[in-house]
Amino acid sequence: MMGMPAAMVWILAIAELAAGVMLIAGAFGKEILTRVGALIVIVVMVGAIGMVHAKNGFNVMNGGMEFQILMLVTGLYLAAKGNDA
């Protein structure tokens, strides 16, 4: 479990699921859902980069943080622009 307690893994899984649901629902509904979903993505990706991927460098082929940075920047963009993106 990546060296984390089981409770933390469950919280992370629920957060990722909630972020995805909010982003999809926000695309068809209220803009606040898009922004909150994006903020959850930002928090999760900062944690993923800091705890797991930064030590492996940038290249995703070596377990690096390339994809997580892409997700982080996308989350920042959606949080800033909302449904006007």
Protein backbone atom coordinates (compact mmCIF):
# COMPACT_ATOMS: atom_id res chain seq x y z
CA MET A 1 0.00 0.00 0.00
CA MET A 2 2.85 2.37 -0.83
CA GLY A 3 3.90 2.56 2.84
CA MET A 4 0.69 4.32 3.91
CA PRO A 5 -1.86 3.21 6.50
CA ALA A 6 -4.94 1.49 5.12
CA ALA A 7 -7.19 4.36 6.25
CA MET A 8 -5.11 6.84 4.24
CA VAL A 9 -5.34 4.65 1.15
CA TRP A 10 -9.14 4.53 1.49
CA ILE A 11 -9.34 8.31 1.93
CA LEU A 12 -7.18 8.79 -1.14
CA ALA A 13 -9.30 6.40 -3.20
CA ILE A 14 -12.51 8.15 -2.17
CA ALA A 15 -10.98 11.57 -2.92
CA GLU A 16 -9.92 10.48 -6.40
CA LEU A 17 -13.35 8.99 -7.09
CA ALA A 18 -15.10 12.12 -5.79
CA ALA A 19 -12.89 14.36 -7.92
CA GLY A 20 -13.72 12.41 -11.06
CA VAL A 21 -17.44 12.42 -10.33
CA MET A 22 -17.38 16.15 -9.59
CA LEU A 23 -15.50 16.96 -12.79
CA ILE A 24 -17.95 14.97 -14.90
CA ALA A 25 -21.00 16.36 -13.08
CA GLY A 26 -19.56 19.86 -13.30
CA ALA A 27 -19.24 19.58 -17.06
CA PHE A 28 -23.02 19.13 -17.31
CA GLY A 29 -24.13 21.13 -14.29
CA LYS A 30 -22.91 23.66 -11.79
CA GLU A 31 -19.51 25.23 -12.22
CA ILE A 32 -18.69 24.91 -8.52
CA LEU A 33 -18.49 21.12 -8.96
CA THR A 34 -15.81 21.58 -11.61
CA ARG A 35 -13.79 23.88 -9.40
CA VAL A 36 -14.06 21.70 -6.26
CA GLY A 37 -13.19 18.59 -8.25
CA ALA A 38 -10.16 20.36 -9.69
CA LEU A 39 -9.04 21.43 -6.20
CA ILE A 40 -9.22 17.82 -5.04
CA VAL A 41 -7.10 16.77 -8.03
CA ILE A 42 -4.55 19.45 -7.12
CA VAL A 43 -4.23 18.23 -3.54
CA VAL A 44 -3.96 14.58 -4.57
CA MET A 45 -1.34 15.29 -7.25
CA VAL A 46 0.80 17.43 -4.94
CA GLY A 47 0.77 14.53 -2.49
CA ALA A 48 1.56 11.98 -5.20
CA ILE A 49 4.46 14.03 -6.50
CA GLY A 50 5.87 14.72 -3.06
CA MET A 51 5.44 11.24 -1.58
CA VAL A 52 6.12 8.96 -4.55
CA HIS A 53 7.19 10.38 -7.88
CA ALA A 54 9.65 13.25 -7.23
CA LYS A 55 12.44 10.90 -6.17
CA ASN A 56 12.20 9.13 -9.55
CA GLY A 57 12.79 12.27 -11.60
CA PHE A 58 10.65 13.59 -14.43
CA ASN A 59 10.46 10.70 -16.92
CA VAL A 60 7.27 8.69 -16.53
CA MET A 61 9.01 5.59 -17.89
CA ASN A 62 11.13 5.54 -14.71
CA GLY A 63 8.17 6.12 -12.37
CA GLY A 64 8.70 9.86 -12.52
CA MET A 65 6.31 12.75 -12.12
CA GLU A 66 5.59 13.76 -15.73
CA PHE A 67 1.96 12.56 -15.75
CA GLN A 68 1.27 13.87 -12.24
CA ILE A 69 2.53 17.33 -13.24
CA LEU A 70 0.21 17.23 -16.26
CA MET A 71 -2.72 16.36 -13.98
CA LEU A 72 -1.68 19.08 -11.51
CA VAL A 73 -1.53 21.76 -14.21
CA THR A 74 -4.87 20.60 -15.63
CA GLY A 75 -6.38 20.85 -12.15
CA LEU A 76 -4.97 24.36 -11.74
CA TYR A 77 -6.40 25.37 -15.11
CA LEU A 78 -9.86 23.98 -14.34
CA ALA A 79 -9.88 25.52 -10.88
CA ALA A 80 -9.07 28.91 -12.38
CA LYS A 81 -11.31 28.79 -15.46
CA GLY A 82 -14.16 26.56 -14.30
CA ASN A 83 -16.60 25.60 -17.04
CA ASP A 84 -15.31 28.39 -19.29
CA ALA A 85 -12.22 26.30 -20.03
